Amino acid sequence: MGQERKIAIIGAGGHARETALLLQQCGISRDAIAGFFVDDRYWTETAVEGFPLLRIGDFDTGRHDAVVAIGDSRARRAVVEGLPPSTRFPGFVHPSVIAPADVAIAEGVILHAGCIVTTNVTLGRHVQLNRGTQVGHDSVLEAFCTTAPGAVISGNCHVGADAYLGAMSCIRERQTIGAGAMVGMGAVVVSDVPPDSTYVGNPARPLQRVPA
């Protein structure tokens, strides 16, 4: 009989530790979690939340499935794309999530506690919705986008790949958030946000950086 597969949590920060808790709340036993996997920059001979801290080089597609629990959208993409092509990425949905059967959920999607996803919503690969996120009807969230706790996405919105929506941000209906854009904490978006930009405030406007 082959060795039982375990889940490798890639990352060891706060988001990774919350994800380890999510997995257990989804019925995954502690024994089925191999530990937290990090690169050599972060590795020490310690444990995290009682789980081993392991080197990313110890990840084995023959023994492990991967949950990449890194909140930064682009960093998460880089890690996923750096893993072997045969890596399996299961998705997990907290039992408290409200979502209909027609929600299209791709590989690696993580929905944390209290999320509400309504009808005809598409979630791309490795989308991660943090606690209490709400997504309205007919919205599309492309690969690797991330929401912080309490983000609200209204109906008919399009959130581009690698975008990040800060805690308690709110997106008005029919808006587009460009790929790689960042929406700040508490921002109220009432118009489209261009790719690779940062918008903050109410109403949300481009972040004005003060010269050094």
N, C-alpha and C. Protein backbone atom coordinates (compact mmCIF):
# COMPACT_ATOMS: atom_id res chain seq x y z
N MET A 1 0.85 -1.19 0.00
CA MET A 1 0.00 0.00 0.00
C MET A 1 0.89 1.24 0.00
N GLY A 2 0.59 2.23 -0.86
CA GLY A 2 1.37 3.45 -0.95
C GLY A 2 1.20 4.34 0.27
N GLN A 3 2.14 5.25 0.42
CA GLN A 3 2.09 6.18 1.53
C GLN A 3 0.95 7.17 1.34
N GLU A 4 0.24 7.45 2.43
CA GLU A 4 -0.90 8.38 2.35
C GLU A 4 -0.41 9.78 2.00
N ARG A 5 -1.11 10.43 1.06
CA ARG A 5 -0.76 11.79 0.67
C ARG A 5 -1.13 12.76 1.79
N LYS A 6 -0.30 13.79 1.94
CA LYS A 6 -0.57 14.82 2.92
C LYS A 6 -0.60 16.18 2.24
N ILE A 7 -1.12 17.16 2.96
CA ILE A 7 -1.20 18.51 2.43
C ILE A 7 -0.02 19.33 2.92
N ALA A 8 0.71 19.89 1.99
CA ALA A 8 1.81 20.80 2.31
C ALA A 8 1.29 22.23 2.22
N ILE A 9 1.36 22.96 3.31
CA ILE A 9 0.98 24.37 3.31
C ILE A 9 2.23 25.17 2.95
N ILE A 10 2.19 25.86 1.81
CA ILE A 10 3.34 26.64 1.37
C ILE A 10 3.21 28.04 1.96
N GLY A 11 4.15 28.40 2.82
CA GLY A 11 4.10 29.64 3.56
C GLY A 11 4.01 29.34 5.05
N ALA A 12 4.35 30.34 5.86
CA ALA A 12 4.30 30.12 7.31
C ALA A 12 3.95 31.40 8.06
N GLY A 13 3.42 32.39 7.34
CA GLY A 13 3.01 33.63 7.98
C GLY A 13 1.61 33.53 8.58
N GLY A 14 1.06 34.67 8.94
CA GLY A 14 -0.27 34.67 9.55
C GLY A 14 -1.34 34.07 8.65
N HIS A 15 -1.28 34.40 7.35
CA HIS A 15 -2.28 33.87 6.43
C HIS A 15 -2.16 32.35 6.33
N ALA A 16 -0.93 31.83 6.33
CA ALA A 16 -0.73 30.38 6.28
C ALA A 16 -1.26 29.71 7.54
N ARG A 17 -1.03 30.33 8.68
CA ARG A 17 -1.52 29.74 9.93
C ARG A 17 -3.04 29.76 9.99
N GLU A 18 -3.65 30.83 9.48
CA GLU A 18 -5.12 30.85 9.39
C GLU A 18 -5.62 29.78 8.43
N THR A 19 -4.87 29.55 7.36
CA THR A 19 -5.28 28.53 6.40
C THR A 19 -5.18 27.13 7.00
N ALA A 20 -4.16 26.89 7.83
CA ALA A 20 -4.06 25.61 8.52
C ALA A 20 -5.30 25.38 9.39
N LEU A 21 -5.75 26.42 10.06
CA LEU A 21 -6.97 26.32 10.87
C LEU A 21 -8.18 26.04 9.97
N LEU A 22 -8.25 26.72 8.83
CA LEU A 22 -9.35 26.50 7.88
C LEU A 22 -9.40 25.04 7.45
N LEU A 23 -8.25 24.46 7.12
CA LEU A 23 -8.23 23.07 6.68
C LEU A 23 -8.81 22.15 7.75
N GLN A 24 -8.44 22.40 8.99
CA GLN A 24 -8.97 21.57 10.08
C GLN A 24 -10.47 21.77 10.23
N GLN A 25 -10.94 22.99 10.06
CA GLN A 25 -12.38 23.26 10.14
C GLN A 25 -13.13 22.63 8.97
N CYS A 26 -12.41 22.35 7.88
CA CYS A 26 -12.99 21.65 6.73
C CYS A 26 -12.92 20.13 6.88
N GLY A 27 -12.44 19.64 8.01
CA GLY A 27 -12.41 18.20 8.26
C GLY A 27 -11.08 17.53 8.00
N ILE A 28 -10.03 18.31 7.68
CA ILE A 28 -8.71 17.74 7.47
C ILE A 28 -8.03 17.56 8.83
N SER A 29 -7.61 16.37 9.15
CA SER A 29 -6.99 16.12 10.45
C SER A 29 -5.60 16.73 10.49
N ARG A 30 -5.12 17.01 11.69
CA ARG A 30 -3.77 17.54 11.84
C ARG A 30 -2.74 16.58 11.26
N ASP A 31 -2.99 15.28 11.41
CA ASP A 31 -2.04 14.29 10.89
C ASP A 31 -1.96 14.31 9.37
N ALA A 32 -2.98 14.85 8.70
CA ALA A 32 -2.98 14.90 7.24
C ALA A 32 -2.30 16.15 6.70
N ILE A 33 -1.84 17.02 7.60
CA ILE A 33 -1.11 18.23 7.20
C ILE A 33 0.37 17.97 7.44
N ALA A 34 1.17 17.99 6.37
CA ALA A 34 2.59 17.67 6.49
C ALA A 34 3.35 18.74 7.25
N GLY A 35 2.92 19.98 7.14
CA GLY A 35 3.59 21.08 7.81
C GLY A 35 3.62 22.31 6.93
N PHE A 36 4.37 23.32 7.38
CA PHE A 36 4.54 24.57 6.63
C PHE A 36 5.87 24.49 5.87
N PHE A 37 5.81 24.79 4.58
CA PHE A 37 6.99 24.69 3.72
C PHE A 37 7.43 26.10 3.30
N VAL A 38 8.70 26.41 3.52
CA VAL A 38 9.23 27.73 3.18
C VAL A 38 10.57 27.57 2.48
N ASP A 39 11.03 28.64 1.83
CA ASP A 39 12.36 28.56 1.23
C ASP A 39 13.41 28.79 2.31
N ASP A 40 14.67 28.60 1.93
CA ASP A 40 15.74 28.61 2.92
C ASP A 40 15.87 29.93 3.67
N ARG A 41 15.41 31.03 3.09
CA ARG A 41 15.51 32.32 3.77
C ARG A 41 14.74 32.34 5.08
N TYR A 42 13.67 31.55 5.16
CA TYR A 42 12.77 31.60 6.31
C TYR A 42 12.85 30.34 7.18
N TRP A 43 13.67 29.38 6.76
CA TRP A 43 13.67 28.11 7.48
C TRP A 43 14.50 28.18 8.75
N THR A 44 13.95 27.66 9.84
CA THR A 44 14.67 27.45 11.09
C THR A 44 14.24 26.11 11.66
N GLU A 45 14.96 25.63 12.63
CA GLU A 45 14.61 24.34 13.23
C GLU A 45 13.56 24.54 14.32
N THR A 46 12.39 25.00 13.88
CA THR A 46 11.31 25.28 14.82
C THR A 46 10.02 24.68 14.29
N ALA A 47 8.99 24.76 15.12
CA ALA A 47 7.65 24.35 14.71
C ALA A 47 6.76 25.59 14.68
N VAL A 48 5.71 25.53 13.87
CA VAL A 48 4.75 26.62 13.76
C VAL A 48 3.37 26.06 14.05
N GLU A 49 2.73 26.59 15.09
CA GLU A 49 1.41 26.10 15.49
C GLU A 49 1.43 24.59 15.72
N GLY A 50 2.57 24.07 16.16
CA GLY A 50 2.70 22.64 16.41
C GLY A 50 3.00 21.80 15.19
N PHE A 51 3.10 22.44 14.00
CA PHE A 51 3.43 21.72 12.76
C PHE A 51 4.91 21.94 12.43
N PRO A 52 5.53 20.96 11.77
CA PRO A 52 6.93 21.15 11.37
C PRO A 52 7.08 22.31 10.38
N LEU A 53 8.22 22.98 10.48
CA LEU A 53 8.61 23.97 9.48
C LEU A 53 9.63 23.30 8.56
N LEU A 54 9.28 23.16 7.30
CA LEU A 54 10.07 22.38 6.36
C LEU A 54 10.57 23.24 5.21
N ARG A 55 11.62 22.81 4.56
CA ARG A 55 12.13 23.49 3.38
C ARG A 55 11.29 23.17 2.16
N ILE A 56 11.13 24.15 1.27
CA ILE A 56 10.36 23.93 0.05
C ILE A 56 10.96 22.79 -0.78
N GLY A 57 12.26 22.58 -0.63
CA GLY A 57 12.91 21.48 -1.33
C GLY A 57 12.44 20.11 -0.87
N ASP A 58 11.79 20.05 0.31
CA ASP A 58 11.26 18.78 0.80
C ASP A 58 9.89 18.45 0.21
N PHE A 59 9.32 19.40 -0.54
CA PHE A 59 8.02 19.15 -1.16
C PHE A 59 8.15 18.07 -2.22
N ASP A 60 7.25 17.09 -2.19
CA ASP A 60 7.32 15.93 -3.07
C ASP A 60 5.94 15.70 -3.67
N THR A 61 5.82 15.87 -4.98
CA THR A 61 4.50 15.69 -5.62
C THR A 61 3.98 14.27 -5.49
N GLY A 62 4.86 13.33 -5.21
CA GLY A 62 4.41 11.96 -5.01
C GLY A 62 3.76 11.73 -3.66
N ARG A 63 4.05 12.62 -2.71
CA ARG A 63 3.53 12.45 -1.34
C ARG A 63 2.65 13.60 -0.88
N HIS A 64 2.76 14.76 -1.56
CA HIS A 64 2.09 15.97 -1.06
C HIS A 64 1.18 16.60 -2.11
N ASP A 65 0.05 17.13 -1.64
CA ASP A 65 -0.72 18.13 -2.37
C ASP A 65 -0.35 19.49 -1.78
N ALA A 66 -0.50 20.55 -2.57
CA ALA A 66 -0.04 21.86 -2.12
C ALA A 66 -1.19 22.84 -1.93
N VAL A 67 -1.17 23.55 -0.81
CA VAL A 67 -2.01 24.72 -0.59
C VAL A 67 -1.07 25.89 -0.41
N VAL A 68 -1.06 26.80 -1.38
CA VAL A 68 -0.15 27.94 -1.33
C VAL A 68 -0.85 29.07 -0.59
N ALA A 69 -0.50 29.23 0.68
CA ALA A 69 -1.19 30.15 1.57
C ALA A 69 -0.36 31.41 1.77
N ILE A 70 -0.27 32.18 0.70
CA ILE A 70 0.48 33.45 0.70
C ILE A 70 -0.48 34.54 0.26
N GLY A 71 -0.66 35.56 1.10
CA GLY A 71 -1.66 36.57 0.83
C GLY A 71 -1.34 37.48 -0.33
N ASP A 72 -0.08 37.72 -0.59
CA ASP A 72 0.33 38.58 -1.70
C ASP A 72 0.05 37.85 -3.02
N SER A 73 -0.77 38.43 -3.87
CA SER A 73 -1.23 37.75 -5.08
C SER A 73 -0.08 37.35 -5.99
N ARG A 74 0.83 38.29 -6.25
CA ARG A 74 1.91 38.01 -7.18
C ARG A 74 2.92 37.03 -6.58
N ALA A 75 3.16 37.14 -5.30
CA ALA A 75 4.06 36.18 -4.65
C ALA A 75 3.46 34.78 -4.70
N ARG A 76 2.15 34.68 -4.51
CA ARG A 76 1.49 33.38 -4.58
C ARG A 76 1.62 32.79 -5.98
N ARG A 77 1.41 33.62 -7.01
CA ARG A 77 1.57 33.13 -8.38
C ARG A 77 3.00 32.62 -8.62
N ALA A 78 3.99 33.39 -8.15
CA ALA A 78 5.38 33.00 -8.37
C ALA A 78 5.68 31.64 -7.73
N VAL A 79 5.14 31.41 -6.55
CA VAL A 79 5.38 30.13 -5.88
C VAL A 79 4.68 29.00 -6.63
N VAL A 80 3.43 29.21 -7.00
CA VAL A 80 2.70 28.18 -7.74
C VAL A 80 3.43 27.83 -9.03
N GLU A 81 3.87 28.83 -9.77
CA GLU A 81 4.52 28.58 -11.05
C GLU A 81 5.91 27.98 -10.88
N GLY A 82 6.47 28.08 -9.67
CA GLY A 82 7.77 27.49 -9.41
C GLY A 82 7.70 26.05 -8.94
N LEU A 83 6.51 25.56 -8.61
CA LEU A 83 6.35 24.17 -8.20
C LEU A 83 6.29 23.26 -9.42
N PRO A 84 6.56 21.97 -9.26
CA PRO A 84 6.55 21.05 -10.40
C PRO A 84 5.20 21.05 -11.12
N PRO A 85 5.19 20.87 -12.45
CA PRO A 85 3.94 20.88 -13.21
C PRO A 85 2.93 19.83 -12.75
N SER A 86 3.39 18.76 -12.14
CA SER A 86 2.48 17.70 -11.69
C SER A 86 1.85 17.98 -10.33
N THR A 87 2.15 19.12 -9.73
CA THR A 87 1.61 19.44 -8.40
C THR A 87 0.09 19.51 -8.42
N ARG A 88 -0.53 18.93 -7.42
CA ARG A 88 -1.98 18.99 -7.26
C ARG A 88 -2.32 20.06 -6.23
N PHE A 89 -3.30 20.91 -6.58
CA PHE A 89 -3.70 22.03 -5.73
C PHE A 89 -5.18 21.90 -5.36
N PRO A 90 -5.49 21.24 -4.26
CA PRO A 90 -6.90 21.16 -3.86
C PRO A 90 -7.43 22.51 -3.42
N GLY A 91 -8.73 22.71 -3.55
CA GLY A 91 -9.40 23.91 -3.05
C GLY A 91 -10.15 23.59 -1.78
N PHE A 92 -10.40 24.61 -0.97
CA PHE A 92 -11.11 24.40 0.29
C PHE A 92 -12.09 25.55 0.53
N VAL A 93 -13.27 25.18 0.99
CA VAL A 93 -14.35 26.13 1.28
C VAL A 93 -14.79 25.92 2.72
N HIS A 94 -14.67 26.94 3.54
CA HIS A 94 -15.08 26.84 4.94
C HIS A 94 -16.56 26.48 5.03
N PRO A 95 -16.93 25.66 6.01
CA PRO A 95 -18.35 25.23 6.13
C PRO A 95 -19.35 26.36 6.27
N SER A 96 -18.90 27.53 6.75
CA SER A 96 -19.83 28.65 6.95
C SER A 96 -20.07 29.45 5.68
N VAL A 97 -19.34 29.17 4.59
CA VAL A 97 -19.49 29.93 3.35
C VAL A 97 -20.87 29.70 2.76
N ILE A 98 -21.48 30.77 2.26
CA ILE A 98 -22.76 30.67 1.55
C ILE A 98 -22.47 30.85 0.06
N ALA A 99 -22.73 29.82 -0.71
CA ALA A 99 -22.47 29.86 -2.15
C ALA A 99 -23.36 28.84 -2.84
N PRO A 100 -23.94 29.19 -4.00
CA PRO A 100 -24.80 28.25 -4.72
C PRO A 100 -23.97 27.24 -5.50
N ALA A 101 -24.65 26.22 -5.98
CA ALA A 101 -23.96 25.14 -6.70
C ALA A 101 -23.38 25.61 -8.03
N ASP A 102 -23.88 26.70 -8.60
CA ASP A 102 -23.41 27.10 -9.92
C ASP A 102 -22.15 27.97 -9.89
N VAL A 103 -21.56 28.19 -8.72
CA VAL A 103 -20.33 28.94 -8.66
C VAL A 103 -19.21 28.09 -9.25
N ALA A 104 -18.49 28.64 -10.22
CA ALA A 104 -17.39 27.93 -10.87
C ALA A 104 -16.12 28.17 -10.07
N ILE A 105 -15.61 27.10 -9.45
CA ILE A 105 -14.43 27.21 -8.58
C ILE A 105 -13.31 26.39 -9.19
N ALA A 106 -12.18 27.03 -9.45
CA ALA A 106 -11.04 26.36 -10.08
C ALA A 106 -10.08 25.83 -9.02
N GLU A 107 -8.96 25.24 -9.48
CA GLU A 107 -8.01 24.63 -8.56
C GLU A 107 -7.38 25.68 -7.65
N GLY A 108 -7.10 25.25 -6.43
CA GLY A 108 -6.40 26.10 -5.49
C GLY A 108 -7.20 27.21 -4.86
N VAL A 109 -8.49 27.27 -5.12
CA VAL A 109 -9.32 28.34 -4.56
C VAL A 109 -9.55 28.08 -3.07
N ILE A 110 -9.41 29.13 -2.27
CA ILE A 110 -9.62 29.06 -0.83
C ILE A 110 -10.66 30.11 -0.43
N LEU A 111 -11.74 29.66 0.21
CA LEU A 111 -12.78 30.57 0.71
C LEU A 111 -12.82 30.45 2.23
N HIS A 112 -12.45 31.52 2.90
CA HIS A 112 -12.39 31.50 4.36
C HIS A 112 -13.78 31.73 4.98
N ALA A 113 -13.82 31.66 6.29
CA ALA A 113 -15.08 31.70 7.03
C ALA A 113 -15.88 32.95 6.71
N GLY A 114 -17.20 32.77 6.60
CA GLY A 114 -18.12 33.89 6.47
C GLY A 114 -18.25 34.50 5.10
N CYS A 115 -17.60 33.94 4.09
CA CYS A 115 -17.75 34.49 2.75
C CYS A 115 -19.14 34.22 2.19
N ILE A 116 -19.62 35.16 1.37
CA ILE A 116 -20.89 35.00 0.67
C ILE A 116 -20.64 35.21 -0.81
N VAL A 117 -20.94 34.19 -1.60
CA VAL A 117 -20.77 34.26 -3.05
C VAL A 117 -22.13 33.97 -3.66
N THR A 118 -22.64 34.89 -4.49
CA THR A 118 -24.00 34.72 -5.00
C THR A 118 -23.98 34.05 -6.38
N THR A 119 -24.96 34.31 -7.19
CA THR A 119 -25.19 33.50 -8.38
C THR A 119 -24.32 33.89 -9.57
N ASN A 120 -23.96 32.87 -10.36
CA ASN A 120 -23.23 33.05 -11.63
C ASN A 120 -21.91 33.79 -11.43
N VAL A 121 -21.19 33.42 -10.40
CA VAL A 121 -19.88 33.99 -10.11
C VAL A 121 -18.80 33.00 -10.56
N THR A 122 -17.74 33.52 -11.16
CA THR A 122 -16.61 32.68 -11.57
C THR A 122 -15.38 33.07 -10.76
N LEU A 123 -14.76 32.08 -10.15
CA LEU A 123 -13.54 32.28 -9.38
C LEU A 123 -12.41 31.55 -10.09
N GLY A 124 -11.39 32.28 -10.50
CA GLY A 124 -10.29 31.68 -11.24
C GLY A 124 -9.32 30.92 -10.35
N ARG A 125 -8.30 30.34 -10.96
CA ARG A 125 -7.31 29.53 -10.26
C ARG A 125 -6.66 30.33 -9.13
N HIS A 126 -6.57 29.68 -7.98
CA HIS A 126 -5.83 30.20 -6.83
C HIS A 126 -6.37 31.54 -6.33
N VAL A 127 -7.62 31.83 -6.59
CA VAL A 127 -8.27 32.97 -5.93
C VAL A 127 -8.40 32.64 -4.44
N GLN A 128 -8.14 33.62 -3.60
CA GLN A 128 -8.31 33.43 -2.16
C GLN A 128 -9.13 34.58 -1.60
N LEU A 129 -10.27 34.21 -1.01
CA LEU A 129 -11.18 35.19 -0.41
C LEU A 129 -11.06 35.06 1.10
N ASN A 130 -10.64 36.14 1.74
CA ASN A 130 -10.47 36.10 3.18
C ASN A 130 -11.81 36.31 3.88
N ARG A 131 -11.77 36.24 5.20
CA ARG A 131 -12.98 36.17 6.03
C ARG A 131 -13.99 37.26 5.69
N GLY A 132 -15.24 36.84 5.53
CA GLY A 132 -16.33 37.80 5.37
C GLY A 132 -16.41 38.50 4.04
N THR A 133 -15.68 38.05 3.03
CA THR A 133 -15.78 38.66 1.70
C THR A 133 -17.14 38.36 1.08
N GLN A 134 -17.69 39.36 0.36
CA GLN A 134 -18.95 39.16 -0.36
C GLN A 134 -18.72 39.43 -1.85
N VAL A 135 -19.25 38.53 -2.69
CA VAL A 135 -19.11 38.67 -4.13
C VAL A 135 -20.50 38.61 -4.76
N GLY A 136 -20.88 39.66 -5.48
CA GLY A 136 -22.21 39.76 -6.07
C GLY A 136 -22.35 39.01 -7.38
N HIS A 137 -23.58 38.93 -7.85
CA HIS A 137 -23.96 38.16 -9.03
C HIS A 137 -23.16 38.53 -10.27
N ASP A 138 -22.89 37.52 -11.08
CA ASP A 138 -22.31 37.70 -12.42
C ASP A 138 -20.90 38.31 -12.40
N SER A 139 -20.23 38.24 -11.29
CA SER A 139 -18.88 38.77 -11.20
C SER A 139 -17.86 37.71 -11.58
N VAL A 140 -16.71 38.17 -12.06
CA VAL A 140 -15.60 37.30 -12.44
C VAL A 140 -14.36 37.75 -11.69
N LEU A 141 -13.74 36.82 -10.99
CA LEU A 141 -12.47 37.08 -10.32
C LEU A 141 -11.43 36.21 -11.00
N GLU A 142 -10.47 36.84 -11.65
CA GLU A 142 -9.48 36.08 -12.40
C GLU A 142 -8.40 35.50 -11.48
N ALA A 143 -7.54 34.69 -12.07
CA ALA A 143 -6.56 33.90 -11.33
C ALA A 143 -5.72 34.73 -10.36
N PHE A 144 -5.54 34.18 -9.17
CA PHE A 144 -4.62 34.69 -8.15
C PHE A 144 -5.07 35.99 -7.51
N CYS A 145 -6.27 36.47 -7.78
CA CYS A 145 -6.68 37.68 -7.05
C CYS A 145 -6.98 37.31 -5.60
N THR A 146 -6.86 38.32 -4.73
CA THR A 146 -6.95 38.12 -3.29
C THR A 146 -7.83 39.19 -2.68
N THR A 147 -8.65 38.80 -1.72
CA THR A 147 -9.37 39.79 -0.92
C THR A 147 -8.94 39.67 0.53
N ALA A 148 -8.84 40.81 1.20
CA ALA A 148 -8.63 40.85 2.64
C ALA A 148 -10.00 40.78 3.33
N PRO A 149 -10.03 40.61 4.66
CA PRO A 149 -11.32 40.44 5.34
C PRO A 149 -12.31 41.58 5.08
N GLY A 150 -13.55 41.18 4.83
CA GLY A 150 -14.65 42.13 4.72
C GLY A 150 -14.79 42.85 3.40
N ALA A 151 -14.03 42.49 2.40
CA ALA A 151 -14.16 43.14 1.09
C ALA A 151 -15.53 42.83 0.49
N VAL A 152 -16.10 43.82 -0.21
CA VAL A 152 -17.41 43.67 -0.85
C VAL A 152 -17.26 43.97 -2.33
N ILE A 153 -17.60 42.99 -3.16
CA ILE A 153 -17.58 43.13 -4.61
C ILE A 153 -19.02 43.05 -5.10
N SER A 154 -19.53 44.12 -5.66
CA SER A 154 -20.93 44.13 -6.09
C SER A 154 -21.11 43.35 -7.39
N GLY A 155 -22.34 43.32 -7.89
CA GLY A 155 -22.65 42.52 -9.06
C GLY A 155 -22.01 43.03 -10.34
N ASN A 156 -21.79 42.09 -11.28
CA ASN A 156 -21.27 42.41 -12.61
C ASN A 156 -19.91 43.12 -12.57
N CYS A 157 -19.08 42.75 -11.62
CA CYS A 157 -17.73 43.30 -11.54
C CYS A 157 -16.74 42.31 -12.14
N HIS A 158 -15.62 42.85 -12.59
CA HIS A 158 -14.54 42.02 -13.14
C HIS A 158 -13.26 42.40 -12.42
N VAL A 159 -12.69 41.44 -11.70
CA VAL A 159 -11.46 41.68 -10.95
C VAL A 159 -10.35 40.93 -11.67
N GLY A 160 -9.35 41.66 -12.14
CA GLY A 160 -8.30 41.08 -12.95
C GLY A 160 -7.33 40.21 -12.18
N ALA A 161 -6.56 39.42 -12.91
CA ALA A 161 -5.58 38.53 -12.33
C ALA A 161 -4.60 39.30 -11.44
N ASP A 162 -4.25 38.68 -10.32
CA ASP A 162 -3.25 39.20 -9.38
C ASP A 162 -3.69 40.46 -8.64
N ALA A 163 -4.93 40.89 -8.79
CA ALA A 163 -5.39 42.07 -8.06
C ALA A 163 -5.52 41.76 -6.57
N TYR A 164 -5.47 42.81 -5.77
CA TYR A 164 -5.60 42.67 -4.31
C TYR A 164 -6.58 43.73 -3.81
N LEU A 165 -7.59 43.28 -3.08
CA LEU A 165 -8.61 44.17 -2.51
C LEU A 165 -8.43 44.20 -1.00
N GLY A 166 -8.17 45.39 -0.45
CA GLY A 166 -7.89 45.52 0.97
C GLY A 166 -9.10 45.29 1.85
N ALA A 167 -8.83 45.17 3.14
CA ALA A 167 -9.88 44.91 4.13
C ALA A 167 -10.96 45.99 4.07
N MET A 168 -12.22 45.55 4.06
CA MET A 168 -13.40 46.42 4.09
C MET A 168 -13.50 47.33 2.87
N SER A 169 -12.79 47.03 1.82
CA SER A 169 -12.97 47.80 0.57
C SER A 169 -14.30 47.43 -0.06
N CYS A 170 -14.82 48.32 -0.89
CA CYS A 170 -16.14 48.13 -1.50
C CYS A 170 -16.08 48.53 -2.97
N ILE A 171 -16.52 47.63 -3.83
CA ILE A 171 -16.49 47.87 -5.27
C ILE A 171 -17.92 48.05 -5.78
N ARG A 172 -18.23 49.19 -6.36
CA ARG A 172 -19.56 49.42 -6.90
C ARG A 172 -19.83 48.48 -8.07
N GLU A 173 -21.12 48.23 -8.33
CA GLU A 173 -21.49 47.32 -9.42
C GLU A 173 -20.95 47.80 -10.76
N ARG A 174 -20.64 46.81 -11.61
CA ARG A 174 -20.21 47.01 -13.00
C ARG A 174 -18.84 47.70 -13.13
N GLN A 175 -18.00 47.53 -12.15
CA GLN A 175 -16.66 48.11 -12.23
C GLN A 175 -15.63 47.03 -12.59
N THR A 176 -14.53 47.48 -13.18
CA THR A 176 -13.42 46.60 -13.52
C THR A 176 -12.20 47.00 -12.71
N ILE A 177 -11.62 46.02 -12.04
CA ILE A 177 -10.36 46.21 -11.33
C ILE A 177 -9.28 45.57 -12.20
N GLY A 178 -8.35 46.35 -12.68
CA GLY A 178 -7.36 45.85 -13.62
C GLY A 178 -6.40 44.84 -13.01
N ALA A 179 -5.78 44.06 -13.87
CA ALA A 179 -4.82 43.05 -13.43
C ALA A 179 -3.69 43.70 -12.64
N GLY A 180 -3.35 43.09 -11.52
CA GLY A 180 -2.25 43.57 -10.70
C GLY A 180 -2.54 44.82 -9.91
N ALA A 181 -3.78 45.32 -9.95
CA ALA A 181 -4.13 46.54 -9.19
C ALA A 181 -4.27 46.23 -7.71
N MET A 182 -4.11 47.26 -6.89
CA MET A 182 -4.31 47.14 -5.46
C MET A 182 -5.32 48.19 -5.01
N VAL A 183 -6.34 47.75 -4.28
CA VAL A 183 -7.34 48.64 -3.71
C VAL A 183 -7.12 48.68 -2.21
N GLY A 184 -6.94 49.88 -1.67
CA GLY A 184 -6.56 50.02 -0.27
C GLY A 184 -7.68 49.67 0.71
N MET A 185 -7.29 49.51 1.95
CA MET A 185 -8.22 49.19 3.03
C MET A 185 -9.29 50.28 3.15
N GLY A 186 -10.56 49.86 3.15
CA GLY A 186 -11.67 50.79 3.31
C GLY A 186 -11.98 51.64 2.10
N ALA A 187 -11.31 51.42 0.99
CA ALA A 187 -11.56 52.22 -0.21
C ALA A 187 -12.93 51.92 -0.79
N VAL A 188 -13.56 52.93 -1.39
CA VAL A 188 -14.86 52.79 -2.04
C VAL A 188 -14.66 53.08 -3.52
N VAL A 189 -14.72 52.02 -4.33
CA VAL A 189 -14.41 52.13 -5.75
C VAL A 189 -15.69 52.40 -6.53
N VAL A 190 -15.75 53.55 -7.21
CA VAL A 190 -16.95 53.92 -7.96
C VAL A 190 -16.65 54.09 -9.45
N SER A 191 -15.42 53.79 -9.86
CA SER A 191 -15.06 53.82 -11.28
C SER A 191 -13.97 52.77 -11.50
N ASP A 192 -13.71 52.45 -12.75
CA ASP A 192 -12.73 51.41 -13.05
C ASP A 192 -11.35 51.76 -12.50
N VAL A 193 -10.63 50.73 -12.09
CA VAL A 193 -9.27 50.88 -11.57
C VAL A 193 -8.31 50.31 -12.61
N PRO A 194 -7.36 51.11 -13.11
CA PRO A 194 -6.45 50.62 -14.16
C PRO A 194 -5.54 49.51 -13.66
N PRO A 195 -5.01 48.71 -14.57
CA PRO A 195 -4.05 47.66 -14.18
C PRO A 195 -2.83 48.26 -13.48
N ASP A 196 -2.29 47.48 -12.54
CA ASP A 196 -1.03 47.81 -11.86
C ASP A 196 -1.04 49.15 -11.15
N SER A 197 -2.21 49.61 -10.76
CA SER A 197 -2.31 50.88 -10.03
C SER A 197 -2.71 50.61 -8.58
N THR A 198 -2.62 51.64 -7.75
CA THR A 198 -3.07 51.56 -6.35
C THR A 198 -4.08 52.67 -6.11
N TYR A 199 -5.29 52.28 -5.69
CA TYR A 199 -6.36 53.25 -5.43
C TYR A 199 -6.73 53.19 -3.95
N VAL A 200 -6.94 54.36 -3.36
CA VAL A 200 -7.27 54.46 -1.94
C VAL A 200 -8.33 55.53 -1.74
N GLY A 201 -9.00 55.49 -0.59
CA GLY A 201 -9.91 56.55 -0.19
C GLY A 201 -11.35 56.34 -0.60
N ASN A 202 -12.17 57.36 -0.29
CA ASN A 202 -13.61 57.34 -0.57
C ASN A 202 -14.04 58.71 -1.09
N PRO A 203 -14.35 58.78 -2.42
CA PRO A 203 -14.24 57.72 -3.41
C PRO A 203 -12.76 57.41 -3.72
N ALA A 204 -12.53 56.19 -4.18
CA ALA A 204 -11.16 55.76 -4.42
C ALA A 204 -10.50 56.55 -5.54
N ARG A 205 -9.28 56.99 -5.29
CA ARG A 205 -8.48 57.73 -6.28
C ARG A 205 -7.07 57.15 -6.30
N PRO A 206 -6.31 57.43 -7.37
CA PRO A 206 -4.92 56.93 -7.42
C PRO A 206 -4.12 57.42 -6.22
N LEU A 207 -3.32 56.53 -5.68
CA LEU A 207 -2.46 56.89 -4.55
C LEU A 207 -1.41 57.89 -5.02
N GLN A 208 -1.33 59.02 -4.32
CA GLN A 208 -0.33 60.04 -4.62
C GLN A 208 0.87 59.83 -3.70
N ARG A 209 1.98 59.45 -4.29
CA ARG A 209 3.16 59.17 -3.48
C ARG A 209 3.96 60.47 -3.27
N VAL A 210 4.37 60.70 -2.04
CA VAL A 210 5.13 61.91 -1.71
C VAL A 210 6.58 61.69 -2.10
N PRO A 211 7.16 62.62 -2.86
CA PRO A 211 8.58 62.46 -3.25
C PRO A 211 9.48 62.35 -2.04
N ALA A 212 10.51 61.54 -2.15
CA ALA A 212 11.46 61.37 -1.06
C ALA A 212 12.28 62.64 -0.84
